[in-house]
PDB file of N, CA and C in Angstrom:
ATOM      1  N   ALA A   1       3.119   5.710 -13.491  1.00  0.00           N
ATOM      2  CA  ALA A   1       4.117   4.670 -13.292  1.00  0.00           C
ATOM      3  C   ALA A   1       4.571   4.593 -11.839  1.00  0.00           C
ATOM      4  N   ILE A   2       4.596   5.744 -11.161  1.00  0.00           N
ATOM      5  CA  ILE A   2       5.034   5.775  -9.767  1.00  0.00           C
ATOM      6  C   ILE A   2       4.082   4.960  -8.886  1.00  0.00           C
ATOM      7  N   ILE A   3       2.803   5.140  -9.096  1.00  0.00           N
ATOM      8  CA  ILE A   3       1.818   4.423  -8.281  1.00  0.00           C
ATOM      9  C   ILE A   3       1.937   2.925  -8.525  1.00  0.00           C
ATOM     10  N   ARG A   4       1.945   2.545  -9.778  1.00  0.00           N
ATOM     11  CA  ARG A   4       2.000   1.122 -10.134  1.00  0.00           C
ATOM     12  C   ARG A   4       3.250   0.452  -9.570  1.00  0.00           C
ATOM     13  N   ARG A   5       4.374   1.140  -9.685  1.00  0.00           N
ATOM     14  CA  ARG A   5       5.642   0.580  -9.200  1.00  0.00           C
ATOM     15  C   ARG A   5       5.583   0.359  -7.681  1.00  0.00           C
ATOM     16  N   THR A   6       5.043   1.316  -6.953  1.00  0.00           N
ATOM     17  CA  THR A   6       4.926   1.172  -5.502  1.00  0.00           C
ATOM     18  C   THR A   6       4.006   0.007  -5.147  1.00  0.00           C
ATOM     19  N   LEU A   7       2.883  -0.103  -5.842  1.00  0.00           N
ATOM     20  CA  LEU A   7       1.949  -1.200  -5.568  1.00  0.00           C
ATOM     21  C   LEU A   7       2.576  -2.550  -5.899  1.00  0.00           C
ATOM     22  N   GLU A   8       3.319  -2.630  -6.986  1.00  0.00           N
ATOM     23  CA  GLU A   8       4.002  -3.879  -7.337  1.00  0.00           C
ATOM     24  C   GLU A   8       4.992  -4.284  -6.245  1.00  0.00           C
ATOM     25  N   GLN A   9       5.685  -3.311  -5.667  1.00  0.00           N
ATOM     26  CA  GLN A   9       6.619  -3.602  -4.580  1.00  0.00           C
ATOM     27  C   GLN A   9       5.884  -4.134  -3.349  1.00  0.00           C
ATOM     28  N   LEU A  10       4.727  -3.548  -3.055  1.00  0.00           N
ATOM     29  CA  LEU A  10       3.936  -4.032  -1.907  1.00  0.00           C
ATOM     30  C   LEU A  10       3.434  -5.448  -2.138  1.00  0.00           C
ATOM     31  N   VAL A  11       2.963  -5.730  -3.340  1.00  0.00           N
ATOM     32  CA  VAL A  11       2.490  -7.078  -3.671  1.00  0.00           C
ATOM     33  C   VAL A  11       3.624  -8.086  -3.493  1.00  0.00           C
ATOM     34  N   ALA A  12       4.807  -7.743  -3.997  1.00  0.00           N
ATOM     35  CA  ALA A  12       5.954  -8.649  -3.903  1.00  0.00           C
ATOM     36  C   ALA A  12       6.414  -8.843  -2.457  1.00  0.00           C
ATOM     37  N   ALA A  13       6.304  -7.798  -1.649  1.00  0.00           N
ATOM     38  CA  ALA A  13       6.794  -7.857  -0.270  1.00  0.00           C
ATOM     39  C   ALA A  13       5.837  -8.555   0.684  1.00  0.00           C
ATOM     40  N   HIS A  14       4.555  -8.620   0.312  1.00  0.00           N
ATOM     41  CA  HIS A  14       3.569  -9.124   1.262  1.00  0.00           C
ATOM     42  C   HIS A  14       2.653 -10.185   0.660  1.00  0.00           C
ATOM     43  N   SER A  15       3.238 -11.290   0.278  1.00  0.00           N
ATOM     44  CA  SER A  15       2.441 -12.384  -0.280  1.00  0.00           C
ATOM     45  C   SER A  15       1.445 -12.916   0.744  1.00  0.00           C
ATOM     46  N   GLU A  16       1.756 -12.747   2.027  1.00  0.00           N
ATOM     47  CA  GLU A  16       0.863 -13.238   3.074  1.00  0.00           C
ATOM     48  C   GLU A  16      -0.475 -12.497   3.115  1.00  0.00           C
ATOM     49  N   LEU A  17      -0.540 -11.314   2.497  1.00  0.00           N
ATOM     50  CA  LEU A  17      -1.793 -10.552   2.466  1.00  0.00           C
ATOM     51  C   LEU A  17      -2.642 -10.881   1.238  1.00  0.00           C
ATOM     52  N   GLY A  18      -2.106 -11.661   0.315  1.00  0.00           N
ATOM     53  CA  GLY A  18      -2.853 -12.004  -0.891  1.00  0.00           C
ATOM     54  C   GLY A  18      -3.191 -10.783  -1.722  1.00  0.00           C
ATOM     55  N   LEU A  19      -2.225  -9.896  -1.904  1.00  0.00           N
ATOM     56  CA  LEU A  19      -2.447  -8.641  -2.623  1.00  0.00           C
ATOM     57  C   LEU A  19      -2.377  -8.823  -4.131  1.00  0.00           C
ATOM     58  N   SER A  20      -3.147  -8.010  -4.837  1.00  0.00           N
ATOM     59  CA  SER A  20      -3.037  -7.898  -6.288  1.00  0.00           C
ATOM     60  C   SER A  20      -3.369  -6.454  -6.653  1.00  0.00           C
ATOM     61  N   ILE A  21      -3.201  -6.127  -7.919  1.00  0.00           N
ATOM     62  CA  ILE A  21      -3.379  -4.745  -8.373  1.00  0.00           C
ATOM     63  C   ILE A  21      -4.450  -4.694  -9.447  1.00  0.00           C
ATOM     64  N   ARG A  22      -5.264  -3.639  -9.387  1.00  0.00           N
ATOM     65  CA  ARG A  22      -6.248  -3.333 -10.426  1.00  0.00           C
ATOM     66  C   ARG A  22      -6.085  -1.887 -10.834  1.00  0.00           C
ATOM     67  N   GLY A  23      -6.464  -1.580 -12.047  1.00  0.00           N
ATOM     68  CA  GLY A  23      -6.536  -0.178 -12.428  1.00  0.00           C
ATOM     69  C   GLY A  23      -5.795   0.174 -13.692  1.00  0.00           C
ATOM     70  N   ARG A  24      -5.968   1.444 -14.051  1.00  0.00           N
ATOM     71  CA  ARG A  24      -5.321   2.009 -15.237  1.00  0.00           C
ATOM     72  C   ARG A  24      -4.878   3.424 -14.928  1.00  0.00           C
ATOM     73  N   GLY A  25      -3.710   3.771 -15.417  1.00  0.00           N
ATOM     74  CA  GLY A  25      -3.238   5.137 -15.261  1.00  0.00           C
ATOM     75  C   GLY A  25      -3.179   5.566 -13.808  1.00  0.00           C
ATOM     76  N   PHE A  26      -3.731   6.749 -13.529  1.00  0.00           N
ATOM     77  CA  PHE A  26      -3.693   7.311 -12.184  1.00  0.00           C
ATOM     78  C   PHE A  26      -4.695   6.660 -11.240  1.00  0.00           C
ATOM     79  N   LEU A  27      -5.649   5.936 -11.766  1.00  0.00           N
ATOM     80  CA  LEU A  27      -6.646   5.258 -10.930  1.00  0.00           C
ATOM     81  C   LEU A  27      -6.195   3.803 -10.741  1.00  0.00           C
ATOM     82  N   GLN A  28      -5.688   3.516  -9.537  1.00  0.00           N
ATOM     83  CA  GLN A  28      -5.161   2.194  -9.233  1.00  0.00           C
ATOM     84  C   GLN A  28      -5.784   1.687  -7.948  1.00  0.00           C
ATOM     85  N   GLY A  29      -5.815   0.374  -7.797  1.00  0.00           N
ATOM     86  CA  GLY A  29      -6.340  -0.221  -6.578  1.00  0.00           C
ATOM     87  C   GLY A  29      -5.462  -1.361  -6.106  1.00  0.00           C
ATOM     88  N   LEU A  30      -5.290  -1.430  -4.799  1.00  0.00           N
ATOM     89  CA  LEU A  30      -4.566  -2.530  -4.176  1.00  0.00           C
ATOM     90  C   LEU A  30      -5.618  -3.459  -3.581  1.00  0.00           C
ATOM     91  N   VAL A  31      -5.723  -4.651  -4.148  1.00  0.00           N
ATOM     92  CA  VAL A  31      -6.759  -5.608  -3.758  1.00  0.00           C
ATOM     93  C   VAL A  31      -6.219  -6.517  -2.656  1.00  0.00           C
ATOM     94  N   PHE A  32      -6.953  -6.591  -1.562  1.00  0.00           N
ATOM     95  CA  PHE A  32      -6.606  -7.462  -0.442  1.00  0.00           C
ATOM     96  C   PHE A  32      -7.474  -8.716  -0.507  1.00  0.00           C
ATOM     97  N   ALA A  33      -6.888  -9.874  -0.230  1.00  0.00           N
ATOM     98  CA  ALA A  33      -7.665 -11.113  -0.198  1.00  0.00           C
ATOM     99  C   ALA A  33      -8.722 -11.047   0.907  1.00  0.00           C
ATOM    100  N   ASP A  34      -8.419 -10.352   1.988  1.00  0.00           N
ATOM    101  CA  ASP A  34      -9.328 -10.219   3.128  1.00  0.00           C
ATOM    102  C   ASP A  34      -9.772  -8.757   3.251  1.00  0.00           C
ATOM    103  N   PRO A  35     -11.048  -8.457   3.061  1.00  0.00           N
ATOM    104  CA  PRO A  35     -11.528  -7.072   3.161  1.00  0.00           C
ATOM    105  C   PRO A  35     -11.217  -6.412   4.513  1.00  0.00           C
ATOM    106  N   GLN A  36     -11.120  -7.205   5.568  1.00  0.00           N
ATOM    107  CA  GLN A  36     -10.784  -6.641   6.878  1.00  0.00           C
ATOM    108  C   GLN A  36      -9.380  -6.040   6.876  1.00  0.00           C
ATOM    109  N   ARG A  37      -8.487  -6.669   6.150  1.00  0.00           N
ATOM    110  CA  ARG A  37      -7.112  -6.142   6.033  1.00  0.00           C
ATOM    111  C   ARG A  37      -7.116  -4.829   5.251  1.00  0.00           C
ATOM    112  N   ALA A  38      -7.963  -4.744   4.242  1.00  0.00           N
ATOM    113  CA  ALA A  38      -8.088  -3.492   3.489  1.00  0.00           C
ATOM    114  C   ALA A  38      -8.589  -2.378   4.402  1.00  0.00           C
ATOM    115  N   ALA A  39      -9.550  -2.700   5.260  1.00  0.00           N
ATOM    116  CA  ALA A  39     -10.069  -1.720   6.213  1.00  0.00           C
ATOM    117  C   ALA A  39      -8.970  -1.274   7.174  1.00  0.00           C
ATOM    118  N   MET A  40      -8.178  -2.221   7.633  1.00  0.00           N
ATOM    119  CA  MET A  40      -7.085  -1.890   8.547  1.00  0.00           C
ATOM    120  C   MET A  40      -6.061  -0.986   7.875  1.00  0.00           C
ATOM    121  N   ALA A  41      -5.733  -1.278   6.623  1.00  0.00           N
ATOM    122  CA  ALA A  41      -4.768  -0.461   5.888  1.00  0.00           C
ATOM    123  C   ALA A  41      -5.305   0.944   5.668  1.00  0.00           C
ATOM    124  N   SER A  42      -6.574   1.038   5.323  1.00  0.00           N
ATOM    125  CA  SER A  42      -7.189   2.346   5.119  1.00  0.00           C
ATOM    126  C   SER A  42      -7.172   3.175   6.402  1.00  0.00           C
ATOM    127  N   LYS A  43      -7.495   2.555   7.515  1.00  0.00           N
ATOM    128  CA  LYS A  43      -7.490   3.253   8.805  1.00  0.00           C
ATOM    129  C   LYS A  43      -6.074   3.654   9.211  1.00  0.00           C
ATOM    130  N   ALA A  44      -5.109   2.770   8.967  1.00  0.00           N
ATOM    131  CA  ALA A  44      -3.718   3.078   9.305  1.00  0.00           C
ATOM    132  C   ALA A  44      -3.191   4.221   8.435  1.00  0.00           C
ATOM    133  N   ALA A  45      -3.595   4.262   7.175  1.00  0.00           N
ATOM    134  CA  ALA A  45      -3.193   5.367   6.291  1.00  0.00           C
ATOM    135  C   ALA A  45      -3.817   6.672   6.776  1.00  0.00           C
ATOM    136  N   PHE A  46      -5.091   6.627   7.165  1.00  0.00           N
ATOM    137  CA  PHE A  46      -5.772   7.816   7.664  1.00  0.00           C
ATOM    138  C   PHE A  46      -5.077   8.350   8.915  1.00  0.00           C
ATOM    139  N   ALA A  47      -4.645   7.452   9.780  1.00  0.00           N
ATOM    140  CA  ALA A  47      -3.934   7.855  10.996  1.00  0.00           C
ATOM    141  C   ALA A  47      -2.631   8.578  10.656  1.00  0.00           C
ATOM    142  N   ARG A  48      -2.098   8.321   9.464  1.00  0.00           N
ATOM    143  CA  ARG A  48      -0.876   8.980   9.009  1.00  0.00           C
ATOM    144  C   ARG A  48      -1.170  10.246   8.203  1.00  0.00           C
ATOM    145  N   GLY A  49      -2.448  10.569   8.050  1.00  0.00           N
ATOM    146  CA  GLY A  49      -2.815  11.791   7.336  1.00  0.00           C
ATOM    147  C   GLY A  49      -3.190  11.605   5.884  1.00  0.00           C
ATOM    148  N   VAL A  50      -3.344  10.354   5.441  1.00  0.00           N
ATOM    149  CA  VAL A  50      -3.706  10.077   4.047  1.00  0.00           C
ATOM    150  C   VAL A  50      -5.151   9.601   3.997  1.00  0.00           C
ATOM    151  N   ILE A  51      -5.970  10.319   3.249  1.00  0.00           N
ATOM    152  CA  ILE A  51      -7.363   9.907   3.072  1.00  0.00           C
ATOM    153  C   ILE A  51      -7.406   8.981   1.869  1.00  0.00           C
ATOM    154  N   ILE A  52      -7.830   7.754   2.110  1.00  0.00           N
ATOM    155  CA  ILE A  52      -7.875   6.760   1.044  1.00  0.00           C
ATOM    156  C   ILE A  52      -9.172   5.969   1.195  1.00  0.00           C
ATOM    157  N   GLU A  53      -9.835   5.735   0.090  1.00  0.00           N
ATOM    158  CA  GLU A  53     -11.118   5.034   0.112  1.00  0.00           C
ATOM    159  C   GLU A  53     -10.944   3.566  -0.223  1.00  0.00           C
ATOM    160  N   ARG A  54     -11.994   2.821   0.108  1.00  0.00           N
ATOM    161  CA  ARG A  54     -12.042   1.421  -0.301  1.00  0.00           C
ATOM    162  C   ARG A  54     -13.131   1.262  -1.353  1.00  0.00           C
ATOM    163  N   ALA A  55     -12.987   0.261  -2.167  1.00  0.00           N
ATOM    164  CA  ALA A  55     -13.943  -0.015  -3.236  1.00  0.00           C
ATOM    165  C   ALA A  55     -14.038  -1.526  -3.406  1.00  0.00           C
ATOM    166  N   GLY A  56     -14.854  -1.936  -4.364  1.00  0.00           N
ATOM    167  CA  GLY A  56     -15.038  -3.364  -4.614  1.00  0.00           C
ATOM    168  C   GLY A  56     -16.301  -3.857  -3.944  1.00  0.00           C
ATOM    169  N   ARG A  57     -16.737  -5.004  -4.368  1.00  0.00           N
ATOM    170  CA  ARG A  57     -17.980  -5.589  -3.849  1.00  0.00           C
ATOM    171  C   ARG A  57     -17.974  -5.718  -2.333  1.00  0.00           C
ATOM    172  N   ASP A  58     -16.828  -6.084  -1.782  1.00  0.00           N
ATOM    173  CA  ASP A  58     -16.717  -6.279  -0.334  1.00  0.00           C
ATOM    174  C   ASP A  58     -15.787  -5.253   0.317  1.00  0.00           C
ATOM    175  N   ASP A  59     -15.550  -4.134  -0.367  1.00  0.00           N
ATOM    176  CA  ASP A  59     -14.602  -3.109   0.110  1.00  0.00           C
ATOM    177  C   ASP A  59     -13.201  -3.690   0.298  1.00  0.00           C
ATOM    178  N   GLU A  60     -12.822  -4.580  -0.580  1.00  0.00           N
ATOM    179  CA  GLU A  60     -11.522  -5.243  -0.477  1.00  0.00           C
ATOM    180  C   GLU A  60     -10.408  -4.505  -1.212  1.00  0.00           C
ATOM    181  N   VAL A  61     -10.744  -3.421  -1.902  1.00  0.00           N
ATOM    182  CA  VAL A  61      -9.774  -2.681  -2.707  1.00  0.00           C
ATOM    183  C   VAL A  61      -9.481  -1.340  -2.048  1.00  0.00           C
ATOM    184  N   VAL A  62      -8.204  -1.065  -1.807  1.00  0.00           N
ATOM    185  CA  VAL A  62      -7.778   0.259  -1.357  1.00  0.00           C
ATOM    186  C   VAL A  62      -7.496   1.046  -2.632  1.00  0.00           C
ATOM    187  N   LYS A  63      -8.240   2.134  -2.801  1.00  0.00           N
ATOM    188  CA  LYS A  63      -8.287   2.866  -4.075  1.00  0.00           C
ATOM    189  C   LYS A  63      -7.374   4.086  -4.039  1.00  0.00           C
ATOM    190  N   PHE A  64      -6.573   4.230  -5.084  1.00  0.00           N
ATOM    191  CA  PHE A  64      -5.672   5.375  -5.246  1.00  0.00           C
ATOM    192  C   PHE A  64      -6.203   6.264  -6.363  1.00  0.00           C
ATOM    193  N   MET A  65      -6.565   7.498  -5.997  1.00  0.00           N
ATOM    194  CA  MET A  65      -7.087   8.467  -6.974  1.00  0.00           C
ATOM    195  C   MET A  65      -6.483   9.844  -6.693  1.00  0.00           C
ATOM    196  N   PRO A  66      -5.185  10.016  -6.909  1.00  0.00           N
ATOM    197  CA  PRO A  66      -4.582  11.318  -6.626  1.00  0.00           C
ATOM    198  C   PRO A  66      -5.049  12.367  -7.640  1.00  0.00           C
ATOM    199  N   ALA A  67      -4.949  13.613  -7.235  1.00  0.00           N
ATOM    200  CA  ALA A  67      -5.280  14.709  -8.146  1.00  0.00           C
ATOM    201  C   ALA A  67      -4.362  14.657  -9.361  1.00  0.00           C
ATOM    202  N   LEU A  68      -4.890  14.995 -10.506  1.00  0.00           N
ATOM    203  CA  LEU A  68      -4.087  14.985 -11.733  1.00  0.00           C
ATOM    204  C   LEU A  68      -2.953  16.000 -11.681  1.00  0.00           C
ATOM    205  N   THR A  69      -3.080  16.987 -10.809  1.00  0.00           N
ATOM    206  CA  THR A  69      -2.067  18.047 -10.708  1.00  0.00           C
ATOM    207  C   THR A  69      -1.041  17.796  -9.615  1.00  0.00           C
ATOM    208  N   ILE A  70      -1.072  16.638  -8.971  1.00  0.00           N
ATOM    209  CA  ILE A  70      -0.143  16.348  -7.871  1.00  0.00           C
ATOM    210  C   ILE A  70       1.288  16.281  -8.400  1.00  0.00           C
ATOM    211  N   ASP A  71       2.215  16.831  -7.626  1.00  0.00           N
ATOM    212  CA  ASP A  71       3.621  16.740  -8.046  1.00  0.00           C
ATOM    213  C   ASP A  71       4.205  15.415  -7.560  1.00  0.00           C
ATOM    214  N   ASP A  72       5.294  15.006  -8.194  1.00  0.00           N
ATOM    215  CA  ASP A  72       5.887  13.690  -7.915  1.00  0.00           C
ATOM    216  C   ASP A  72       6.313  13.532  -6.450  1.00  0.00           C
ATOM    217  N   ASP A  73       6.861  14.581  -5.853  1.00  0.00           N
ATOM    218  CA  ASP A  73       7.319  14.477  -4.466  1.00  0.00           C
ATOM    219  C   ASP A  73       6.152  14.231  -3.505  1.00  0.00           C
ATOM    220  N   THR A  74       5.064  14.958  -3.702  1.00  0.00           N
ATOM    221  CA  THR A  74       3.897  14.787  -2.847  1.00  0.00           C
ATOM    222  C   THR A  74       3.286  13.402  -3.049  1.00  0.00           C
ATOM    223  N   LEU A  75       3.207  12.968  -4.297  1.00  0.00           N
ATOM    224  CA  LEU A  75       2.687  11.636  -4.594  1.00  0.00           C
ATOM    225  C   LEU A  75       3.537  10.572  -3.920  1.00  0.00           C
ATOM    226  N   GLN A  76       4.845  10.699  -4.036  1.00  0.00           N
ATOM    227  CA  GLN A  76       5.748   9.712  -3.440  1.00  0.00           C
ATOM    228  C   GLN A  76       5.628   9.701  -1.920  1.00  0.00           C
ATOM    229  N   ARG A  77       5.471  10.868  -1.314  1.00  0.00           N
ATOM    230  CA  ARG A  77       5.304  10.951   0.135  1.00  0.00           C
ATOM    231  C   ARG A  77       4.021  10.233   0.567  1.00  0.00           C
ATOM    232  N   GLY A  78       2.934  10.473  -0.148  1.00  0.00           N
ATOM    233  CA  GLY A  78       1.669   9.810   0.170  1.00  0.00           C
ATOM    234  C   GLY A  78       1.745   8.307  -0.006  1.00  0.00           C
ATOM    235  N   LEU A  79       2.374   7.872  -1.090  1.00  0.00           N
ATOM    236  CA  LEU A  79       2.521   6.428  -1.329  1.00  0.00           C
ATOM    237  C   LEU A  79       3.380   5.772  -0.253  1.00  0.00           C
ATOM    238  N   SER A  80       4.394   6.494   0.205  1.00  0.00           N
ATOM    239  CA  SER A  80       5.249   5.971   1.264  1.00  0.00           C
ATOM    240  C   SER A  80       4.457   5.792   2.557  1.00  0.00           C
ATOM    241  N   LEU A  81       3.574   6.733   2.855  1.00  0.00           N
ATOM    242  CA  LEU A  81       2.737   6.619   4.054  1.00  0.00           C
ATOM    243  C   LEU A  81       1.763   5.443   3.939  1.00  0.00           C
ATOM    244  N   VAL A  82       1.219   5.243   2.754  1.00  0.00           N
ATOM    245  CA  VAL A  82       0.314   4.100   2.546  1.00  0.00           C
ATOM    246  C   VAL A  82       1.106   2.792   2.647  1.00  0.00           C
ATOM    247  N   ALA A  83       2.306   2.774   2.089  1.00  0.00           N
ATOM    248  CA  ALA A  83       3.146   1.573   2.192  1.00  0.00           C
ATOM    249  C   ALA A  83       3.435   1.244   3.658  1.00  0.00           C
ATOM    250  N   ASP A  84       3.707   2.269   4.454  1.00  0.00           N
ATOM    251  CA  ASP A  84       3.924   2.054   5.885  1.00  0.00           C
ATOM    252  C   ASP A  84       2.676   1.449   6.535  1.00  0.00           C
ATOM    253  N   ALA A  85       1.510   1.929   6.125  1.00  0.00           N
ATOM    254  CA  ALA A  85       0.253   1.404   6.664  1.00  0.00           C
ATOM    255  C   ALA A  85       0.082  -0.073   6.308  1.00  0.00           C
ATOM    256  N   VAL A  86       0.375  -0.435   5.062  1.00  0.00           N
ATOM    257  CA  VAL A  86       0.267  -1.836   4.632  1.00  0.00           C
ATOM    258  C   VAL A  86       1.296  -2.687   5.384  1.00  0.00           C
ATOM    259  N   ASN A  87       2.479  -2.151   5.567  1.00  0.00           N
ATOM    260  CA  ASN A  87       3.506  -2.887   6.336  1.00  0.00           C
ATOM    261  C   ASN A  87       3.026  -3.161   7.761  1.00  0.00           C
ATOM    262  N   ASP A  88       2.363  -2.180   8.359  1.00  0.00           N
ATOM    263  CA  ASP A  88       1.809  -2.381   9.703  1.00  0.00           C
ATOM    264  C   ASP A  88       0.776  -3.493   9.727  1.00  0.00           C
ATOM    265  N   VAL A  89      -0.093  -3.514   8.723  1.00  0.00           N
ATOM    266  CA  VAL A  89      -1.112  -4.562   8.642  1.00  0.00           C
ATOM    267  C   VAL A  89      -0.445  -5.934   8.514  1.00  0.00           C
ATOM    268  N   ALA A  90       0.605  -6.011   7.717  1.00  0.00           N
ATOM    269  CA  ALA A  90       1.309  -7.284   7.532  1.00  0.00           C
ATOM    270  C   ALA A  90       1.942  -7.768   8.829  1.00  0.00           C
ATOM    271  N   GLU A  91       2.383  -6.850   9.656  1.00  0.00           N
ATOM    272  CA  GLU A  91       3.012  -7.234  10.941  1.00  0.00           C
ATOM    273  C   GLU A  91       1.996  -7.799  11.920  1.00  0.00           C
ATOM    274  N   ILE A  92       0.737  -7.412  11.762  1.00  0.00           N
ATOM    275  CA  ILE A  92      -0.306  -7.848  12.694  1.00  0.00           C
ATOM    276  C   ILE A  92      -0.669  -9.323  12.487  1.00  0.00           C
ATOM    277  N   ILE A  93      -0.519  -9.793  11.258  1.00  0.00           N
ATOM    278  CA  ILE A  93      -0.943 -11.168  10.959  1.00  0.00           C
ATOM    279  C   ILE A  93      -0.118 -12.181  11.734  1.00  0.00           C
TER     280      ILE A  93
END
């Protein structure tokens, strides 16, 4: 629920990125209308210390696959760093 809630907030905050959500349970994806924006978000997250992959036919999905044993605080910290990365991408447009 933590992942989904964070992604829903990003979708609502950044309509200009054409974001949507895919996934079930702990495996979630943030879909970008423009695959280049997904690449930028992934790189910005990596610069913050978060390793995040892209998926989808055109690598347009930023994929969230945390360890099943992750604690809530660590998960929230990682999601916050990814949110910061997406916010940075939105500022560039």
